Each structure stands twice: as C-alpha cells, then as structure tokens.
Amino acid sequence: KRKGLITFVDASQSIGNTNIHVEDDYIDMMAFSCHKSLM
C-alpha cells in the first residue's frame, strides 16, 4: 500500500482455517473457495 499497489490474495486454503480481517490485513481483493474449510 505504501508503494501505491493493490493487494490481491488467494485465500482458498486459509478462509475457515485462520482468522482474516480484510481491512486490517490490507487486502484489497481476495478470491476463495467455498467447499474446503467453509464446508
């Protein structure tokens, strides 16, 4: 963000397996799967 970049994150494995706070984590865009740890 300090460099003026957008941050895109693939959270397919993480969502449902760890806590994610998109704003506090500086995530501008995030893709994820719904059939893994979201069950």
Full PDB file with SEQRES, HELIX, SHEET, SSBOND, CRYST1, ORIGX, SCALE, CONECT and MASTER records, all heavy atoms in Angstrom:
SEQRES   1 A   39  LYS ARG LYS GLY LEU ILE THR PHE VAL ASP ALA SER GLN          
SEQRES   2 A   39  SER ILE GLY ASN THR ASN ILE HIS VAL GLU ASP ASP TYR          
SEQRES   3 A   39  ILE ASP MET MET ALA PHE SER CYS HIS LYS SER LEU MET          
SHEET    1 AA1 2 PHE A   8  ASP A  10  0                                        
SHEET    2 AA1 2 MET A  29  ALA A  31  1                                        
CRYST1    1.000    1.000    1.000  90.00  90.00  90.00 P 1           1          
ORIGX1      1.000000  0.000000  0.000000        0.00000                         
ORIGX2      0.000000  1.000000  0.000000        0.00000                         
ORIGX3      0.000000  0.000000  1.000000        0.00000                         
SCALE1      1.000000  0.000000  0.000000        0.00000                         
SCALE2      0.000000  1.000000  0.000000        0.00000                         
SCALE3      0.000000  0.000000  1.000000        0.00000                         
ATOM      1  N   LYS A   1       0.830  -1.202   0.000  1.00  0.00           N  
ATOM      2  CA  LYS A   1       0.000   0.000   0.000  1.00  0.00           C  
ATOM      3  C   LYS A   1       0.863   1.250   0.000  1.00  0.00           C  
ATOM      4  O   LYS A   1       0.547   2.258  -0.664  1.00  0.00           O  
ATOM      5  CB  LYS A   1      -0.940  -0.017   1.203  1.00  0.00           C  
ATOM      6  CG  LYS A   1      -1.945   1.132   1.185  1.00  0.00           C  
ATOM      7  CD  LYS A   1      -2.949   1.019   2.332  1.00  0.00           C  
ATOM      8  CE  LYS A   1      -3.968   2.142   2.254  1.00  0.00           C  
ATOM      9  NZ  LYS A   1      -4.982   2.035   3.337  1.00  0.00           N  
ATOM     10  N   ARG A   2       1.976   1.202   0.745  1.00  0.00           N  
ATOM     11  CA  ARG A   2       2.882   2.359   0.767  1.00  0.00           C  
ATOM     12  C   ARG A   2       3.466   2.624  -0.622  1.00  0.00           C  
ATOM     13  O   ARG A   2       3.824   3.766  -0.938  1.00  0.00           O  
ATOM     14  CB  ARG A   2       4.005   2.136   1.777  1.00  0.00           C  
ATOM     15  CG  ARG A   2       3.586   2.326   3.225  1.00  0.00           C  
ATOM     16  CD  ARG A   2       4.782   2.493   4.132  1.00  0.00           C  
ATOM     17  NE  ARG A   2       5.570   1.277   4.237  1.00  0.00           N  
ATOM     18  CZ  ARG A   2       5.390   0.340   5.165  1.00  0.00           C  
ATOM     19  NH1 ARG A   2       4.437   0.513   6.073  1.00  0.00           N  
ATOM     20  NH2 ARG A   2       6.140  -0.740   5.192  1.00  0.00           N  
ATOM     21  N   LYS A   3       3.553   1.563  -1.424  1.00  0.00           N  
ATOM     22  CA  LYS A   3       4.065   1.712  -2.789  1.00  0.00           C  
ATOM     23  C   LYS A   3       2.955   2.055  -3.777  1.00  0.00           C  
ATOM     24  O   LYS A   3       3.197   2.176  -4.979  1.00  0.00           O  
ATOM     25  CB  LYS A   3       4.742   0.414  -3.243  1.00  0.00           C  
ATOM     26  CG  LYS A   3       5.899  -0.041  -2.357  1.00  0.00           C  
ATOM     27  CD  LYS A   3       7.070   0.923  -2.419  1.00  0.00           C  
ATOM     28  CE  LYS A   3       8.224   0.438  -1.553  1.00  0.00           C  
ATOM     29  NZ  LYS A   3       9.332   1.426  -1.523  1.00  0.00           N  
ATOM     30  N   GLY A   4       1.734   2.204  -3.265  1.00  0.00           N  
ATOM     31  CA  GLY A   4       0.607   2.530  -4.136  1.00  0.00           C  
ATOM     32  C   GLY A   4       0.075   1.342  -4.900  1.00  0.00           C  
ATOM     33  O   GLY A   4      -0.618   1.510  -5.917  1.00  0.00           O  
ATOM     34  N   LEU A   5       0.349   0.114  -4.408  1.00  0.00           N  
ATOM     35  CA  LEU A   5      -0.075  -1.099  -5.108  1.00  0.00           C  
ATOM     36  C   LEU A   5      -1.374  -1.644  -4.531  1.00  0.00           C  
ATOM     37  O   LEU A   5      -1.680  -1.465  -3.351  1.00  0.00           O  
ATOM     38  CB  LEU A   5       1.009  -2.183  -5.008  1.00  0.00           C  
ATOM     39  CG  LEU A   5       2.417  -1.810  -5.460  1.00  0.00           C  
ATOM     40  CD1 LEU A   5       3.341  -3.021  -5.316  1.00  0.00           C  
ATOM     41  CD2 LEU A   5       2.420  -1.306  -6.893  1.00  0.00           C  
ATOM     42  N   ILE A   6      -2.115  -2.331  -5.382  1.00  0.00           N  
ATOM     43  CA  ILE A   6      -3.279  -3.103  -4.950  1.00  0.00           C  
ATOM     44  C   ILE A   6      -2.790  -4.486  -4.505  1.00  0.00           C  
ATOM     45  O   ILE A   6      -1.913  -5.086  -5.128  1.00  0.00           O  
ATOM     46  CB  ILE A   6      -4.288  -3.250  -6.110  1.00  0.00           C  
ATOM     47  CG1 ILE A   6      -4.899  -1.887  -6.465  1.00  0.00           C  
ATOM     48  CG2 ILE A   6      -5.380  -4.261  -5.783  1.00  0.00           C  
ATOM     49  CD1 ILE A   6      -5.736  -1.271  -5.360  1.00  0.00           C  
ATOM     50  N   THR A   7      -3.373  -4.994  -3.414  1.00  0.00           N  
ATOM     51  CA  THR A   7      -3.005  -6.329  -2.932  1.00  0.00           C  
ATOM     52  C   THR A   7      -4.127  -7.321  -3.211  1.00  0.00           C  
ATOM     53  O   THR A   7      -5.255  -7.140  -2.747  1.00  0.00           O  
ATOM     54  CB  THR A   7      -2.695  -6.294  -1.427  1.00  0.00           C  
ATOM     55  OG1 THR A   7      -1.570  -5.458  -1.196  1.00  0.00           O  
ATOM     56  CG2 THR A   7      -2.376  -7.702  -0.919  1.00  0.00           C  
ATOM     57  N   PHE A   8      -3.791  -8.355  -3.990  1.00  0.00           N  
ATOM     58  CA  PHE A   8      -4.729  -9.428  -4.341  1.00  0.00           C  
ATOM     59  C   PHE A   8      -4.235 -10.707  -3.671  1.00  0.00           C  
ATOM     60  O   PHE A   8      -3.068 -11.081  -3.815  1.00  0.00           O  
ATOM     61  CB  PHE A   8      -4.768  -9.614  -5.857  1.00  0.00           C  
ATOM     62  CG  PHE A   8      -5.707 -10.697  -6.332  1.00  0.00           C  
ATOM     63  CD1 PHE A   8      -6.923 -10.364  -6.926  1.00  0.00           C  
ATOM     64  CD2 PHE A   8      -5.397 -12.039  -6.196  1.00  0.00           C  
ATOM     65  CE1 PHE A   8      -7.792 -11.357  -7.364  1.00  0.00           C  
ATOM     66  CE2 PHE A   8      -6.260 -13.035  -6.619  1.00  0.00           C  
ATOM     67  CZ  PHE A   8      -7.459 -12.688  -7.212  1.00  0.00           C  
ATOM     68  N   VAL A   9      -5.129 -11.370  -2.951  1.00  0.00           N  
ATOM     69  CA  VAL A   9      -4.754 -12.566  -2.198  1.00  0.00           C  
ATOM     70  C   VAL A   9      -5.661 -13.741  -2.566  1.00  0.00           C  
ATOM     71  O   VAL A   9      -6.881 -13.582  -2.673  1.00  0.00           O  
ATOM     72  CB  VAL A   9      -4.847 -12.292  -0.676  1.00  0.00           C  
ATOM     73  CG1 VAL A   9      -4.747 -13.578   0.118  1.00  0.00           C  
ATOM     74  CG2 VAL A   9      -3.746 -11.332  -0.247  1.00  0.00           C  
ATOM     75  N   ASP A  10      -5.037 -14.911  -2.767  1.00  0.00           N  
ATOM     76  CA  ASP A  10      -5.782 -16.159  -2.938  1.00  0.00           C  
ATOM     77  C   ASP A  10      -5.862 -16.833  -1.573  1.00  0.00           C  
ATOM     78  O   ASP A  10      -4.859 -17.337  -1.055  1.00  0.00           O  
ATOM     79  CB  ASP A  10      -5.069 -17.060  -3.951  1.00  0.00           C  
ATOM     80  CG  ASP A  10      -5.680 -18.464  -4.019  1.00  0.00           C  
ATOM     81  OD1 ASP A  10      -6.777 -18.680  -3.475  1.00  0.00           O  
ATOM     82  OD2 ASP A  10      -5.035 -19.359  -4.615  1.00  0.00           O  
ATOM     83  N   ALA A  11      -7.059 -16.844  -0.994  1.00  0.00           N  
ATOM     84  CA  ALA A  11      -7.251 -17.398   0.347  1.00  0.00           C  
ATOM     85  C   ALA A  11      -8.027 -18.710   0.311  1.00  0.00           C  
ATOM     86  O   ALA A  11      -8.721 -19.054   1.275  1.00  0.00           O  
ATOM     87  CB  ALA A  11      -7.974 -16.389   1.224  1.00  0.00           C  
ATOM     88  N   SER A  12      -7.879 -19.464  -0.771  1.00  0.00           N  
ATOM     89  CA  SER A  12      -8.649 -20.704  -0.923  1.00  0.00           C  
ATOM     90  C   SER A  12      -8.421 -21.682   0.225  1.00  0.00           C  
ATOM     91  O   SER A  12      -9.356 -22.349   0.678  1.00  0.00           O  
ATOM     92  CB  SER A  12      -8.298 -21.372  -2.253  1.00  0.00           C  
ATOM     93  OG  SER A  12      -8.692 -20.565  -3.332  1.00  0.00           O  
ATOM     94  N   GLN A  13      -7.176 -21.788   0.692  1.00  0.00           N  
ATOM     95  CA  GLN A  13      -6.889 -22.701   1.798  1.00  0.00           C  
ATOM     96  C   GLN A  13      -7.079 -22.034   3.155  1.00  0.00           C  
ATOM     97  O   GLN A  13      -7.378 -22.707   4.142  1.00  0.00           O  
ATOM     98  CB  GLN A  13      -5.451 -23.215   1.688  1.00  0.00           C  
ATOM     99  CG  GLN A  13      -5.178 -24.095   0.481  1.00  0.00           C  
ATOM    100  CD  GLN A  13      -5.957 -25.403   0.524  1.00  0.00           C  
ATOM    101  OE1 GLN A  13      -6.388 -25.867   1.586  1.00  0.00           O  
ATOM    102  NE2 GLN A  13      -6.155 -26.004  -0.639  1.00  0.00           N  
ATOM    103  N   SER A  14      -6.912 -20.723   3.213  1.00  0.00           N  
ATOM    104  CA  SER A  14      -6.887 -20.033   4.506  1.00  0.00           C  
ATOM    105  C   SER A  14      -8.262 -19.767   5.091  1.00  0.00           C  
ATOM    106  O   SER A  14      -8.461 -19.902   6.300  1.00  0.00           O  
ATOM    107  CB  SER A  14      -6.153 -18.699   4.353  1.00  0.00           C  
ATOM    108  OG  SER A  14      -4.823 -18.908   3.949  1.00  0.00           O  
ATOM    109  N   ILE A  15      -9.216 -19.380   4.232  1.00  0.00           N  
ATOM    110  CA  ILE A  15     -10.518 -18.999   4.762  1.00  0.00           C  
ATOM    111  C   ILE A  15     -11.168 -20.197   5.462  1.00  0.00           C  
ATOM    112  O   ILE A  15     -11.249 -21.290   4.923  1.00  0.00           O  
ATOM    113  CB  ILE A  15     -11.422 -18.435   3.639  1.00  0.00           C  
ATOM    114  CG1 ILE A  15     -12.664 -17.780   4.222  1.00  0.00           C  
ATOM    115  CG2 ILE A  15     -11.781 -19.504   2.607  1.00  0.00           C  
ATOM    116  CD1 ILE A  15     -13.463 -16.941   3.233  1.00  0.00           C  
ATOM    117  N   GLY A  16     -11.561 -19.995   6.700  1.00  0.00           N  
ATOM    118  CA  GLY A  16     -12.098 -21.084   7.507  1.00  0.00           C  
ATOM    119  C   GLY A  16     -11.042 -21.826   8.306  1.00  0.00           C  
ATOM    120  O   GLY A  16     -11.369 -22.618   9.184  1.00  0.00           O  
ATOM    121  N   ASN A  17      -9.757 -21.555   8.007  1.00  0.00           N  
ATOM    122  CA  ASN A  17      -8.653 -22.195   8.733  1.00  0.00           C  
ATOM    123  C   ASN A  17      -7.843 -21.202   9.548  1.00  0.00           C  
ATOM    124  O   ASN A  17      -6.972 -21.595  10.317  1.00  0.00           O  
ATOM    125  CB  ASN A  17      -7.709 -22.911   7.758  1.00  0.00           C  
ATOM    126  CG  ASN A  17      -8.125 -24.343   7.501  1.00  0.00           C  
ATOM    127  OD1 ASN A  17      -8.651 -25.006   8.388  1.00  0.00           O  
ATOM    128  ND2 ASN A  17      -7.900 -24.814   6.290  1.00  0.00           N  
ATOM    129  N   THR A  18      -8.109 -19.923   9.350  1.00  0.00           N  
ATOM    130  CA  THR A  18      -7.445 -18.875  10.122  1.00  0.00           C  
ATOM    131  C   THR A  18      -8.334 -17.643  10.090  1.00  0.00           C  
ATOM    132  O   THR A  18      -9.224 -17.521   9.253  1.00  0.00           O  
ATOM    133  CB  THR A  18      -6.047 -18.561   9.547  1.00  0.00           C  
ATOM    134  OG1 THR A  18      -5.343 -17.719  10.458  1.00  0.00           O  
ATOM    135  CG2 THR A  18      -6.149 -17.873   8.186  1.00  0.00           C  
ATOM    136  N   ASN A  19      -8.110 -16.740  11.004  1.00  0.00           N  
ATOM    137  CA  ASN A  19      -8.898 -15.511  11.041  1.00  0.00           C  
ATOM    138  C   ASN A  19      -8.382 -14.532   9.986  1.00  0.00           C  
ATOM    139  O   ASN A  19      -7.174 -14.304   9.881  1.00  0.00           O  
ATOM    140  CB  ASN A  19      -8.810 -14.865  12.427  1.00  0.00           C  
ATOM    141  CG  ASN A  19      -9.618 -15.622  13.463  1.00  0.00           C  
ATOM    142  OD1 ASN A  19     -10.844 -15.658  13.395  1.00  0.00           O  
ATOM    143  ND2 ASN A  19      -8.938 -16.260  14.402  1.00  0.00           N  
ATOM    144  N   ILE A  20      -9.301 -13.960   9.225  1.00  0.00           N  
ATOM    145  CA  ILE A  20      -8.968 -12.984   8.196  1.00  0.00           C  
ATOM    146  C   ILE A  20      -9.779 -11.725   8.441  1.00  0.00           C  
ATOM    147  O   ILE A  20     -10.990 -11.779   8.633  1.00  0.00           O  
ATOM    148  CB  ILE A  20      -9.266 -13.535   6.786  1.00  0.00           C  
ATOM    149  CG1 ILE A  20      -8.358 -14.733   6.475  1.00  0.00           C  
ATOM    150  CG2 ILE A  20      -9.086 -12.451   5.732  1.00  0.00           C  
ATOM    151  CD1 ILE A  20      -8.681 -15.418   5.150  1.00  0.00           C  
ATOM    152  N   HIS A  21      -9.099 -10.591   8.447  1.00  0.00           N  
ATOM    153  CA  HIS A  21      -9.747  -9.282   8.569  1.00  0.00           C  
ATOM    154  C   HIS A  21      -9.257  -8.466   7.384  1.00  0.00           C  
ATOM    155  O   HIS A  21      -8.142  -7.936   7.408  1.00  0.00           O  
ATOM    156  CB  HIS A  21      -9.371  -8.616   9.892  1.00  0.00           C  
ATOM    157  CG  HIS A  21     -10.200  -7.424  10.235  1.00  0.00           C  
ATOM    158  ND1 HIS A  21     -10.312  -6.319   9.396  1.00  0.00           N  
ATOM    159  CD2 HIS A  21     -10.979  -7.153  11.326  1.00  0.00           C  
ATOM    160  CE1 HIS A  21     -11.104  -5.428   9.958  1.00  0.00           C  
ATOM    161  NE2 HIS A  21     -11.526  -5.906  11.125  1.00  0.00           N  
ATOM    162  N   VAL A  22     -10.075  -8.379   6.338  1.00  0.00           N  
ATOM    163  CA  VAL A  22      -9.594  -7.846   5.070  1.00  0.00           C  
ATOM    164  C   VAL A  22      -9.034  -6.426   5.190  1.00  0.00           C  
ATOM    165  O   VAL A  22      -8.025  -6.099   4.547  1.00  0.00           O  
ATOM    166  CB  VAL A  22     -10.688  -7.912   3.973  1.00  0.00           C  
ATOM    167  CG1 VAL A  22     -10.885  -9.338   3.505  1.00  0.00           C  
ATOM    168  CG2 VAL A  22     -12.005  -7.297   4.450  1.00  0.00           C  
ATOM    169  N   GLU A  23      -9.645  -5.598   5.993  1.00  0.00           N  
ATOM    170  CA  GLU A  23      -9.142  -4.226   6.117  1.00  0.00           C  
ATOM    171  C   GLU A  23      -7.874  -4.173   6.957  1.00  0.00           C  
ATOM    172  O   GLU A  23      -6.872  -3.566   6.552  1.00  0.00           O  
ATOM    173  CB  GLU A  23     -10.228  -3.315   6.696  1.00  0.00           C  
ATOM    174  CG  GLU A  23     -11.358  -3.005   5.722  1.00  0.00           C  
ATOM    175  CD  GLU A  23     -12.189  -1.833   6.184  1.00  0.00           C  
ATOM    176  OE1 GLU A  23     -12.706  -1.887   7.313  1.00  0.00           O  
ATOM    177  OE2 GLU A  23     -12.330  -0.871   5.406  1.00  0.00           O  
ATOM    178  N   ASP A  24      -7.885  -4.798   8.114  1.00  0.00           N  
ATOM    179  CA  ASP A  24      -6.692  -4.789   8.967  1.00  0.00           C  
ATOM    180  C   ASP A  24      -5.519  -5.498   8.300  1.00  0.00           C  
ATOM    181  O   ASP A  24      -4.361  -5.192   8.590  1.00  0.00           O  
ATOM    182  CB  ASP A  24      -6.996  -5.460  10.308  1.00  0.00           C  
ATOM    183  CG  ASP A  24      -7.892  -4.611  11.194  1.00  0.00           C  
ATOM    184  OD1 ASP A  24      -8.177  -3.458  10.808  1.00  0.00           O  
ATOM    185  OD2 ASP A  24      -8.317  -5.100  12.260  1.00  0.00           O  
ATOM    186  N   ASP A  25      -5.814  -6.458   7.422  1.00  0.00           N  
ATOM    187  CA  ASP A  25      -4.772  -7.222   6.737  1.00  0.00           C  
ATOM    188  C   ASP A  25      -4.336  -6.584   5.417  1.00  0.00           C  
ATOM    189  O   ASP A  25      -3.550  -7.177   4.678  1.00  0.00           O  
ATOM    190  CB  ASP A  25      -5.245  -8.657   6.484  1.00  0.00           C  
ATOM    191  CG  ASP A  25      -5.435  -9.439   7.774  1.00  0.00           C  
ATOM    192  OD1 ASP A  25      -4.868  -9.023   8.796  1.00  0.00           O  
ATOM    193  OD2 ASP A  25      -6.152 -10.456   7.752  1.00  0.00           O  
ATOM    194  N   TYR A  26      -4.879  -5.412   5.103  1.00  0.00           N  
ATOM    195  CA  TYR A  26      -4.511  -4.665   3.892  1.00  0.00           C  
ATOM    196  C   TYR A  26      -4.777  -5.465   2.615  1.00  0.00           C  
ATOM    197  O   TYR A  26      -3.989  -5.479   1.689  1.00  0.00           O  
ATOM    198  CB  TYR A  26      -3.036  -4.253   3.941  1.00  0.00           C  
ATOM    199  CG  TYR A  26      -2.734  -3.261   5.047  1.00  0.00           C  
ATOM    200  CD1 TYR A  26      -2.303  -3.699   6.294  1.00  0.00           C  
ATOM    201  CD2 TYR A  26      -2.896  -1.901   4.840  1.00  0.00           C  
ATOM    202  CE1 TYR A  26      -2.046  -2.800   7.322  1.00  0.00           C  
ATOM    203  CE2 TYR A  26      -2.629  -0.987   5.865  1.00  0.00           C  
ATOM    204  CZ  TYR A  26      -2.214  -1.453   7.100  1.00  0.00           C  
ATOM    205  OH  TYR A  26      -1.966  -0.548   8.121  1.00  0.00           O  
ATOM    206  N   ILE A  27      -5.909  -6.143   2.589  1.00  0.00           N  
ATOM    207  CA  ILE A  27      -6.300  -6.939   1.420  1.00  0.00           C  
ATOM    208  C   ILE A  27      -7.339  -6.148   0.620  1.00  0.00           C  
ATOM    209  O   ILE A  27      -8.406  -5.811   1.132  1.00  0.00           O  
ATOM    210  CB  ILE A  27      -6.878  -8.298   1.850  1.00  0.00           C  
ATOM    211  CG1 ILE A  27      -5.799  -9.136   2.548  1.00  0.00           C  
ATOM    212  CG2 ILE A  27      -7.429  -9.055   0.643  1.00  0.00           C  
ATOM    213  CD1 ILE A  27      -6.322 -10.417   3.175  1.00  0.00           C  
ATOM    214  N   ASP A  28      -7.009  -5.857  -0.626  1.00  0.00           N  
ATOM    215  CA  ASP A  28      -7.929  -5.114  -1.496  1.00  0.00           C  
ATOM    216  C   ASP A  28      -8.846  -6.035  -2.281  1.00  0.00           C  
ATOM    217  O   ASP A  28      -9.972  -5.672  -2.605  1.00  0.00           O  
ATOM    218  CB  ASP A  28      -7.138  -4.255  -2.487  1.00  0.00           C  
ATOM    219  CG  ASP A  28      -6.305  -3.192  -1.798  1.00  0.00           C  
ATOM    220  OD1 ASP A  28      -6.897  -2.352  -1.104  1.00  0.00           O  
ATOM    221  OD2 ASP A  28      -5.079  -3.222  -1.940  1.00  0.00           O  
ATOM    222  N   MET A  29      -8.339  -7.219  -2.613  1.00  0.00           N  
ATOM    223  CA  MET A  29      -9.122  -8.181  -3.398  1.00  0.00           C  
ATOM    224  C   MET A  29      -8.720  -9.579  -2.929  1.00  0.00           C  
ATOM    225  O   MET A  29      -7.545  -9.858  -2.716  1.00  0.00           O  
ATOM    226  CB  MET A  29      -8.858  -7.984  -4.897  1.00  0.00           C  
ATOM    227  CG  MET A  29      -9.786  -8.740  -5.792  1.00  0.00           C  
ATOM    228  SD  MET A  29      -9.955  -8.085  -7.502  1.00  0.00           S  
ATOM    229  CE  MET A  29      -8.427  -7.234  -7.821  1.00  0.00           C  
ATOM    230  N   MET A  30      -9.711 -10.459  -2.794  1.00  0.00           N  
ATOM    231  CA  MET A  30      -9.433 -11.795  -2.270  1.00  0.00           C  
ATOM    232  C   MET A  30     -10.361 -12.824  -2.906  1.00  0.00           C  
ATOM    233  O   MET A  30     -11.577 -12.671  -2.892  1.00  0.00           O  
ATOM    234  CB  MET A  30      -9.614 -11.823  -0.745  1.00  0.00           C  
ATOM    235  CG  MET A  30      -9.245 -13.150  -0.098  1.00  0.00           C  
ATOM    236  SD  MET A  30      -9.380 -13.092   1.704  1.00  0.00           S  
ATOM    237  CE  MET A  30     -11.167 -13.206   1.911  1.00  0.00           C  
ATOM    238  N   ALA A  31      -9.763 -13.854  -3.464  1.00  0.00           N  
ATOM    239  CA  ALA A  31     -10.519 -14.974  -4.017  1.00  0.00           C  
ATOM    240  C   ALA A  31     -10.479 -16.135  -3.033  1.00  0.00           C  
ATOM    241  O   ALA A  31      -9.507 -16.302  -2.290  1.00  0.00           O  
ATOM    242  CB  ALA A  31      -9.925 -15.397  -5.364  1.00  0.00           C  
ATOM    243  N   PHE A  32     -11.531 -16.947  -3.047  1.00  0.00           N  
ATOM    244  CA  PHE A  32     -11.556 -18.070  -2.112  1.00  0.00           C  
ATOM    245  C   PHE A  32     -12.513 -19.156  -2.596  1.00  0.00           C  
ATOM    246  O   PHE A  32     -13.373 -18.936  -3.446  1.00  0.00           O  
ATOM    247  CB  PHE A  32     -11.961 -17.607  -0.707  1.00  0.00           C  
ATOM    248  CG  PHE A  32     -13.267 -16.868  -0.647  1.00  0.00           C  
ATOM    249  CD1 PHE A  32     -14.463 -17.532  -0.437  1.00  0.00           C  
ATOM    250  CD2 PHE A  32     -13.295 -15.494  -0.793  1.00  0.00           C  
ATOM    251  CE1 PHE A  32     -15.666 -16.844  -0.386  1.00  0.00           C  
ATOM    252  CE2 PHE A  32     -14.488 -14.786  -0.739  1.00  0.00           C  
ATOM    253  CZ  PHE A  32     -15.674 -15.465  -0.530  1.00  0.00           C  
ATOM    254  N   SER A  33     -12.328 -20.324  -2.028  1.00  0.00           N  
ATOM    255  CA  SER A  33     -13.169 -21.477  -2.311  1.00  0.00           C  
ATOM    256  C   SER A  33     -14.187 -21.638  -1.193  1.00  0.00           C  
ATOM    257  O   SER A  33     -13.922 -21.274  -0.049  1.00  0.00           O  
ATOM    258  CB  SER A  33     -12.293 -22.732  -2.413  1.00  0.00           C  
ATOM    259  OG  SER A  33     -13.079 -23.886  -2.528  1.00  0.00           O  
ATOM    260  N   CYS A  34     -15.341 -22.222  -1.516  1.00  0.00           N  
ATOM    261  CA  CYS A  34     -16.399 -22.385  -0.512  1.00  0.00           C  
ATOM    262  C   CYS A  34     -16.600 -23.832  -0.074  1.00  0.00           C  
ATOM    263  O   CYS A  34     -17.434 -24.093   0.804  1.00  0.00           O  
ATOM    264  CB  CYS A  34     -17.719 -21.829  -1.051  1.00  0.00           C  
ATOM    265  SG  CYS A  34     -17.685 -20.051  -1.370  1.00  0.00           S  
ATOM    266  N   HIS A  35     -15.861 -24.776  -0.671  1.00  0.00           N  
ATOM    267  CA  HIS A  35     -16.109 -26.193  -0.362  1.00  0.00           C  
ATOM    268  C   HIS A  35     -14.985 -26.834   0.443  1.00  0.00           C  
ATOM    269  O   HIS A  35     -15.057 -28.013   0.771  1.00  0.00           O  
ATOM    270  CB  HIS A  35     -16.308 -26.984  -1.662  1.00  0.00           C  
ATOM    271  CG  HIS A  35     -15.086 -27.080  -2.512  1.00  0.00           C  
ATOM    272  ND1 HIS A  35     -14.246 -28.164  -2.483  1.00  0.00           N  
ATOM    273  CD2 HIS A  35     -14.561 -26.224  -3.417  1.00  0.00           C  
ATOM    274  CE1 HIS A  35     -13.250 -27.978  -3.333  1.00  0.00           C  
ATOM    275  NE2 HIS A  35     -13.428 -26.796  -3.907  1.00  0.00           N  
ATOM    276  N   LYS A  36     -13.958 -26.059   0.779  1.00  0.00           N  
ATOM    277  CA  LYS A  36     -12.866 -26.607   1.587  1.00  0.00           C  
ATOM    278  C   LYS A  36     -13.197 -26.389   3.062  1.00  0.00           C  
ATOM    279  O   LYS A  36     -14.117 -27.011   3.579  1.00  0.00           O  
ATOM    280  CB  LYS A  36     -11.540 -25.975   1.159  1.00  0.00           C  
ATOM    281  CG  LYS A  36     -11.192 -26.221  -0.320  1.00  0.00           C  
ATOM    282  CD  LYS A  36      -9.879 -25.581  -0.708  1.00  0.00           C  
ATOM    283  CE  LYS A  36      -9.622 -25.643  -2.216  1.00  0.00           C  
ATOM    284  NZ  LYS A  36      -9.380 -27.008  -2.693  1.00  0.00           N  
ATOM    285  N   SER A  37     -12.496 -25.485   3.728  1.00  0.00           N  
ATOM    286  CA  SER A  37     -12.749 -25.304   5.161  1.00  0.00           C  
ATOM    287  C   SER A  37     -14.032 -24.547   5.469  1.00  0.00           C  
ATOM    288  O   SER A  37     -14.431 -24.473   6.630  1.00  0.00           O  
ATOM    289  CB  SER A  37     -11.553 -24.608   5.811  1.00  0.00           C  
ATOM    290  OG  SER A  37     -10.445 -25.489   5.825  1.00  0.00           O  
ATOM    291  N   LEU A  38     -14.684 -23.975   4.453  1.00  0.00           N  
ATOM    292  CA  LEU A  38     -16.012 -23.406   4.675  1.00  0.00           C  
ATOM    293  C   LEU A  38     -17.084 -24.489   4.631  1.00  0.00           C  
ATOM    294  O   LEU A  38     -18.239 -24.238   5.009  1.00  0.00           O  
ATOM    295  CB  LEU A  38     -16.313 -22.311   3.644  1.00  0.00           C  
ATOM    296  CG  LEU A  38     -15.453 -21.051   3.732  1.00  0.00           C  
ATOM    297  CD1 LEU A  38     -15.937 -20.015   2.730  1.00  0.00           C  
ATOM    298  CD2 LEU A  38     -15.450 -20.469   5.136  1.00  0.00           C  
ATOM    299  N   MET A  39     -16.736 -25.665   4.101  1.00  0.00           N  
ATOM    300  CA  MET A  39     -17.551 -26.881   4.196  1.00  0.00           C  
ATOM    301  C   MET A  39     -18.863 -26.841   3.424  1.00  0.00           C  
ATOM    302  O   MET A  39     -19.806 -27.553   3.748  1.00  0.00           O  
ATOM    303  CB  MET A  39     -17.808 -27.250   5.662  1.00  0.00           C  
ATOM    304  CG  MET A  39     -16.537 -27.529   6.437  1.00  0.00           C  
ATOM    305  SD  MET A  39     -16.792 -28.233   8.085  1.00  0.00           S  
ATOM    306  CE  MET A  39     -17.482 -26.834   8.948  1.00  0.00           C  
TER     307      MET A  39                                                      
MASTER        0    0    0    0    2    0    0    6  306    1    0    3          
END                                                                             
